[in-house]
C-alpha atoms as a PDB file:
ATOM      1  CA  MET A   1     -92.452  53.147  60.541  1.00  0.00           C
ATOM      2  CA  ILE A   2     -92.325  53.835  64.456  1.00  0.00           C
ATOM      3  CA  LEU A   3     -90.280  56.893  63.664  1.00  0.00           C
ATOM      4  CA  HIS A   4     -92.985  58.167  61.527  1.00  0.00           C
ATOM      5  CA  GLU A   5     -95.857  57.246  63.759  1.00  0.00           C
ATOM      6  CA  ILE A   6     -94.240  58.807  67.295  1.00  0.00           C
ATOM      7  CA  PRO A   7     -94.928  62.582  65.401  1.00  0.00           C
ATOM      8  CA  LYS A   8     -97.969  62.317  64.155  1.00  0.00           C
ATOM      9  CA  THR A   9     -99.161  60.825  67.701  1.00  0.00           C
ATOM     10  CA  MET A  10     -97.561  63.290  69.577  1.00  0.00           C
ATOM     11  CA  MET A  11     -99.265  66.084  67.173  1.00  0.00           C
ATOM     12  CA  TYR A  12    -102.824  64.365  67.495  1.00  0.00           C
ATOM     13  CA  LYS A  13    -102.713  64.390  71.559  1.00  0.00           C
ATOM     14  CA  ARG A  14    -101.460  67.990  71.005  1.00  0.00           C
ATOM     15  CA  GLN A  15    -104.294  69.225  68.974  1.00  0.00           C
ATOM     16  CA  LYS A  16    -106.658  67.175  71.499  1.00  0.00           C
ATOM     17  CA  GLY A  17    -105.026  68.816  74.508  1.00  0.00           C
ATOM     18  CA  LYS A  18    -103.972  65.451  76.523  1.00  0.00           C
ATOM     19  CA  LYS A  19    -100.913  65.296  78.138  1.00  0.00           C
ATOM     20  CA  ILE A  20     -98.158  63.093  76.705  1.00  0.00           C
ATOM     21  CA  ARG A  21     -98.027  60.509  78.555  1.00  0.00           C
ATOM     22  CA  ASN A  22     -98.148  57.123  77.174  1.00  0.00           C
ATOM     23  CA  LEU A  23     -97.611  57.526  73.220  1.00  0.00           C
ATOM     24  CA  GLN A  24     -99.052  53.576  72.316  1.00  0.00           C
ATOM     25  CA  VAL A  25     -97.613  53.862  69.030  1.00  0.00           C
ATOM     26  CA  MET A  26     -97.405  50.107  68.374  1.00  0.00           C
ATOM     27  CA  GLN A  27    -101.079  50.008  68.198  1.00  0.00           C
ATOM     28  CA  TYR A  28    -101.114  51.727  64.704  1.00  0.00           C
ATOM     29  CA  ILE A  29     -98.532  49.425  63.603  1.00  0.00           C
ATOM     30  CA  ASP A  30    -100.058  46.770  60.653  1.00  0.00           C
ATOM     31  CA  PRO A  31     -98.271  43.961  60.369  1.00  0.00           C
ATOM     32  CA  ILE A  32     -99.229  43.599  56.399  1.00  0.00           C
ATOM     33  CA  GLY A  33     -97.934  46.968  56.442  1.00  0.00           C
ATOM     34  CA  LEU A  34     -94.763  45.929  58.095  1.00  0.00           C
ATOM     35  CA  ILE A  35     -94.478  43.153  56.230  1.00  0.00           C
ATOM     36  CA  PHE A  36     -94.530  45.373  52.975  1.00  0.00           C
ATOM     37  CA  SER A  37     -92.195  47.628  54.723  1.00  0.00           C
ATOM     38  CA  VAL A  38     -89.581  44.836  54.586  1.00  0.00           C
ATOM     39  CA  ILE A  39     -90.465  43.606  51.301  1.00  0.00           C
ATOM     40  CA  GLY A  40     -91.239  46.570  49.128  1.00  0.00           C
ATOM     41  CA  PHE A  41     -89.775  49.271  51.091  1.00  0.00           C
ATOM     42  CA  CYS A  42     -93.474  51.113  51.514  1.00  0.00           C
ATOM     43  CA  GLY A  43     -95.255  50.239  54.293  1.00  0.00           C
ATOM     44  CA  PHE A  44     -99.031  51.359  55.745  1.00  0.00           C
ATOM     45  CA  SER A  45    -100.153  51.460  59.534  1.00  0.00           C
ATOM     46  CA  LYS A  46    -103.523  50.887  60.980  1.00  0.00           C
ATOM     47  CA  PRO A  47    -106.268  53.796  60.400  1.00  0.00           C
ATOM     48  CA  TYR A  48    -106.916  56.090  63.327  1.00  0.00           C
ATOM     49  CA  MET A  49    -110.395  56.802  64.341  1.00  0.00           C
ATOM     50  CA  TYR A  50    -110.663  60.525  64.220  1.00  0.00           C
ATOM     51  CA  HIS A  51    -110.886  60.929  60.385  1.00  0.00           C
ATOM     52  CA  ILE A  52    -113.030  63.745  59.357  1.00  0.00           C
ATOM     53  CA  ARG A  53    -114.398  64.674  62.769  1.00  0.00           C
ATOM     54  CA  ASP A  54    -111.858  67.309  63.109  1.00  0.00           C
ATOM     55  CA  LYS A  55    -110.478  68.801  59.715  1.00  0.00           C
ATOM     56  CA  LYS A  56    -107.648  70.726  62.017  1.00  0.00           C
ATOM     57  CA  THR A  57    -106.142  67.442  63.316  1.00  0.00           C
ATOM     58  CA  ASN A  58    -106.168  65.607  60.297  1.00  0.00           C
ATOM     59  CA  ARG A  59    -104.592  68.201  58.444  1.00  0.00           C
ATOM     60  CA  VAL A  60    -101.689  68.807  61.066  1.00  0.00           C
ATOM     61  CA  VAL A  61    -101.456  64.839  61.507  1.00  0.00           C
ATOM     62  CA  GLY A  62    -100.926  64.595  57.573  1.00  0.00           C
ATOM     63  CA  TYR A  63     -98.502  67.389  57.323  1.00  0.00           C
ATOM     64  CA  THR A  64     -96.608  65.810  60.556  1.00  0.00           C
ATOM     65  CA  GLY A  65     -96.424  62.417  58.711  1.00  0.00           C
ATOM     66  CA  MET A  66     -95.030  63.710  55.322  1.00  0.00           C
ATOM     67  CA  ILE A  67     -92.658  66.190  57.118  1.00  0.00           C
ATOM     68  CA  SER A  68     -91.368  63.578  59.492  1.00  0.00           C
ATOM     69  CA  LEU A  69     -90.866  61.233  56.390  1.00  0.00           C
ATOM     70  CA  LEU A  70     -88.956  63.938  54.511  1.00  0.00           C
ATOM     71  CA  LEU A  71     -86.637  64.424  57.938  1.00  0.00           C
ATOM     72  CA  ILE A  72     -86.432  60.484  58.574  1.00  0.00           C
ATOM     73  CA  PHE A  73     -85.305  60.333  54.884  1.00  0.00           C
ATOM     74  CA  SER A  74     -82.647  63.242  55.139  1.00  0.00           C
ATOM     75  CA  ALA A  75     -81.156  62.951  58.171  1.00  0.00           C
ATOM     76  CA  SER A  76     -80.534  58.919  57.339  1.00  0.00           C
ATOM     77  CA  LEU A  77     -79.318  59.968  53.898  1.00  0.00           C
ATOM     78  CA  LEU A  78     -76.717  62.617  55.304  1.00  0.00           C
ATOM     79  CA  ALA A  79     -75.789  60.065  58.167  1.00  0.00           C
ATOM     80  CA  CYS A  80     -75.413  57.727  55.482  1.00  0.00           C
ATOM     81  CA  LYS A  81     -73.022  60.202  53.518  1.00  0.00           C
ATOM     82  CA  PHE A  82     -70.731  62.081  55.588  1.00  0.00           C
ATOM     83  CA  VAL A  83     -70.612  59.914  59.241  1.00  0.00           C
ATOM     84  CA  PHE A  84     -70.884  56.092  58.302  1.00  0.00           C
ATOM     85  CA  VAL A  85     -68.579  56.198  55.075  1.00  0.00           C
ATOM     86  CA  PRO A  86     -65.940  57.985  56.644  1.00  0.00           C
ATOM     87  CA  ILE A  87     -66.310  55.486  59.895  1.00  0.00           C
ATOM     88  CA  VAL A  88     -66.892  52.261  57.600  1.00  0.00           C
ATOM     89  CA  LYS A  89     -63.411  53.022  55.490  1.00  0.00           C
ATOM     90  CA  MET A  90     -61.531  53.476  58.835  1.00  0.00           C
ATOM     91  CA  TYR A  91     -62.494  49.636  59.452  1.00  0.00           C
ATOM     92  CA  ASP A  92     -61.533  46.298  57.670  1.00  0.00           C
ATOM     93  CA  GLU A  93     -64.459  44.448  57.017  1.00  0.00           C
ATOM     94  CA  THR A  94     -62.962  41.263  58.494  1.00  0.00           C
ATOM     95  CA  GLU A  95     -62.566  43.077  61.716  1.00  0.00           C
ATOM     96  CA  ALA A  96     -65.611  42.670  64.553  1.00  0.00           C
ATOM     97  CA  LEU A  97     -66.165  46.550  64.750  1.00  0.00           C
ATOM     98  CA  GLY A  98     -65.470  46.925  61.174  1.00  0.00           C
ATOM     99  CA  MET A  99     -68.588  44.483  60.656  1.00  0.00           C
ATOM    100  CA  ILE A 100     -70.532  46.200  63.447  1.00  0.00           C
ATOM    101  CA  PHE A 101     -70.138  49.700  61.569  1.00  0.00           C
ATOM    102  CA  GLN A 102     -70.946  47.871  58.177  1.00  0.00           C
ATOM    103  CA  PHE A 103     -74.009  46.804  59.754  1.00  0.00           C
ATOM    104  CA  ILE A 104     -75.014  50.099  61.546  1.00  0.00           C
ATOM    105  CA  PHE A 105     -74.272  51.604  57.779  1.00  0.00           C
ATOM    106  CA  TRP A 106     -76.812  49.103  56.381  1.00  0.00           C
ATOM    107  CA  VAL A 107     -79.668  49.952  58.410  1.00  0.00           C
ATOM    108  CA  VAL A 108     -79.455  53.596  58.091  1.00  0.00           C
ATOM    109  CA  GLN A 109     -79.031  53.030  54.619  1.00  0.00           C
ATOM    110  CA  TYR A 110     -82.139  51.154  54.602  1.00  0.00           C
ATOM    111  CA  MET A 111     -83.969  53.190  56.856  1.00  0.00           C
ATOM    112  CA  SER A 112     -83.459  56.071  54.582  1.00  0.00           C
ATOM    113  CA  VAL A 113     -85.089  53.797  51.454  1.00  0.00           C
ATOM    114  CA  VAL A 114     -87.875  52.893  53.374  1.00  0.00           C
ATOM    115  CA  SER A 115     -88.670  56.374  54.664  1.00  0.00           C
ATOM    116  CA  LEU A 116     -88.714  57.856  51.039  1.00  0.00           C
ATOM    117  CA  GLY A 117     -91.039  54.508  50.259  1.00  0.00           C
ATOM    118  CA  MET A 118     -93.338  55.311  52.935  1.00  0.00           C
ATOM    119  CA  PHE A 119     -93.527  59.384  51.757  1.00  0.00           C
ATOM    120  CA  PHE A 120     -94.632  57.909  48.256  1.00  0.00           C
ATOM    121  CA  THR A 121     -97.045  55.449  49.884  1.00  0.00           C
ATOM    122  CA  ASN A 122     -98.852  58.415  51.696  1.00  0.00           C
ATOM    123  CA  LEU A 123     -99.022  60.189  48.500  1.00  0.00           C
ATOM    124  CA  PHE A 124    -102.082  57.723  47.389  1.00  0.00           C
ATOM    125  CA  PRO A 125    -105.216  59.339  48.885  1.00  0.00           C
ATOM    126  CA  ILE A 126    -106.283  56.156  51.557  1.00  0.00           C
ATOM    127  CA  MET A 127    -107.870  57.112  54.794  1.00  0.00           C
ATOM    128  CA  PRO A 128    -105.102  56.256  56.806  1.00  0.00           C
ATOM    129  CA  PHE A 129    -102.360  57.490  54.793  1.00  0.00           C
ATOM    130  CA  ASN A 130    -101.407  61.162  55.059  1.00  0.00           C
ATOM    131  CA  MET A 131    -102.541  62.167  52.129  1.00  0.00           C
ATOM    132  CA  GLY A 132    -105.984  60.972  53.339  1.00  0.00           C
ATOM    133  CA  ASN A 133    -105.739  62.991  56.238  1.00  0.00           C
ATOM    134  CA  LEU A 134    -104.817  66.028  54.040  1.00  0.00           C
ATOM    135  CA  ILE A 135    -107.638  65.844  51.772  1.00  0.00           C
ATOM    136  CA  ALA A 136    -110.185  64.675  54.846  1.00  0.00           C
ATOM    137  CA  GLY A 137    -108.799  68.031  56.717  1.00  0.00           C
ATOM    138  CA  TYR A 138    -109.400  70.277  53.701  1.00  0.00           C
ATOM    139  CA  SER A 139    -112.510  69.093  51.949  1.00  0.00           C
ATOM    140  CA  THR A 140    -115.084  66.372  53.383  1.00  0.00           C
ATOM    141  CA  GLU A 141    -116.728  66.138  50.015  1.00  0.00           C
ATOM    142  CA  LYS A 142    -113.784  65.393  48.224  1.00  0.00           C
ATOM    143  CA  MET A 143    -112.825  62.629  51.051  1.00  0.00           C
ATOM    144  CA  LEU A 144    -116.302  61.368  50.535  1.00  0.00           C
ATOM    145  CA  THR A 145    -115.758  60.906  47.062  1.00  0.00           C
ATOM    146  CA  ILE A 146    -112.207  59.375  47.592  1.00  0.00           C
ATOM    147  CA  MET A 147    -113.868  56.797  49.579  1.00  0.00           C
ATOM    148  CA  ARG A 148    -116.765  56.159  47.272  1.00  0.00           C
ATOM    149  CA  ASN A 149    -113.801  55.213  45.247  1.00  0.00           C
ATOM    150  CA  ASP A 150    -111.698  53.602  48.078  1.00  0.00           C
ATOM    151  CA  TYR A 151    -111.724  50.360  46.411  1.00  0.00           C
ATOM    152  CA  MET A 152    -109.985  51.453  43.332  1.00  0.00           C
ATOM    153  CA  ILE A 153    -107.524  53.456  44.456  1.00  0.00           C
ATOM    154  CA  LYS A 154    -106.421  50.482  46.687  1.00  0.00           C
ATOM    155  CA  MET A 155    -106.138  48.130  43.858  1.00  0.00           C
ATOM    156  CA  ILE A 156    -104.096  50.675  41.927  1.00  0.00           C
ATOM    157  CA  PHE A 157    -102.015  51.256  44.872  1.00  0.00           C
ATOM    158  CA  PHE A 158    -101.366  47.335  45.039  1.00  0.00           C
ATOM    159  CA  ILE A 159    -100.739  47.100  41.691  1.00  0.00           C
ATOM    160  CA  VAL A 160     -98.205  50.047  41.809  1.00  0.00           C
ATOM    161  CA  MET A 161     -96.495  48.347  45.086  1.00  0.00           C
ATOM    162  CA  ILE A 162     -96.478  44.812  43.659  1.00  0.00           C
ATOM    163  CA  LEU A 163     -95.022  45.921  40.122  1.00  0.00           C
ATOM    164  CA  GLY A 164     -92.207  47.312  42.483  1.00  0.00           C
ATOM    165  CA  VAL A 165     -92.367  51.071  41.149  1.00  0.00           C
ATOM    166  CA  ILE A 166     -92.448  52.958  44.897  1.00  0.00           C
ATOM    167  CA  LYS A 167     -89.468  50.688  45.258  1.00  0.00           C
ATOM    168  CA  ALA A 168     -87.401  51.000  42.211  1.00  0.00           C
ATOM    169  CA  LEU A 169     -88.722  55.070  42.777  1.00  0.00           C
ATOM    170  CA  SER A 170     -86.971  55.443  45.823  1.00  0.00           C
ATOM    171  CA  VAL A 171     -84.384  53.090  45.644  1.00  0.00           C
ATOM    172  CA  ASN A 172     -83.017  55.114  42.856  1.00  0.00           C
ATOM    173  CA  ILE A 173     -84.159  58.443  44.267  1.00  0.00           C
ATOM    174  CA  PHE A 174     -81.361  57.453  47.379  1.00  0.00           C
ATOM    175  CA  LEU A 175     -78.927  56.134  44.985  1.00  0.00           C
ATOM    176  CA  PHE A 176     -78.894  59.489  42.943  1.00  0.00           C
ATOM    177  CA  LEU A 177     -78.783  61.536  45.975  1.00  0.00           C
ATOM    178  CA  TYR A 178     -76.198  59.556  47.537  1.00  0.00           C
ATOM    179  CA  ALA A 179     -73.894  59.705  44.667  1.00  0.00           C
ATOM    180  CA  LEU A 180     -74.263  63.876  44.598  1.00  0.00           C
END
């Protein structure tokens, strides 16, 4: 989640002409979103305060968030497949070094699945999500329509999340691409 927020914060500050001294990424981490990230492989962050005011910033931050999630997914999938599998095979699981590499392999797999789950989560047109940023960046009228239906969209999102649709989708896509 933090790897997703860092590029968005950097692009936001760059768009505003501010120097990137202190990213303060932790202020955007939502504890409930973090719990959903651990349990359901789809987390979310606290809302930003610049929505609708600056369309270009919304577009840039929205695209940056989506691209960062795809890059995290791709890099961790490739690392699992081409870096950690050969290393894990070299060591016995009962050796200390083998257990450490096995744990790192598991963490990278988990990061890959969570980043893909967060990508699917961010496709929902809810304001703090990247798709909400993109819609606000292109059309204020459509964003206001979405904000009027915000309660219904959030209910659909939570039903999808509780049913495990995002989790199943992201795990199965990871397994499919990992098996290629």
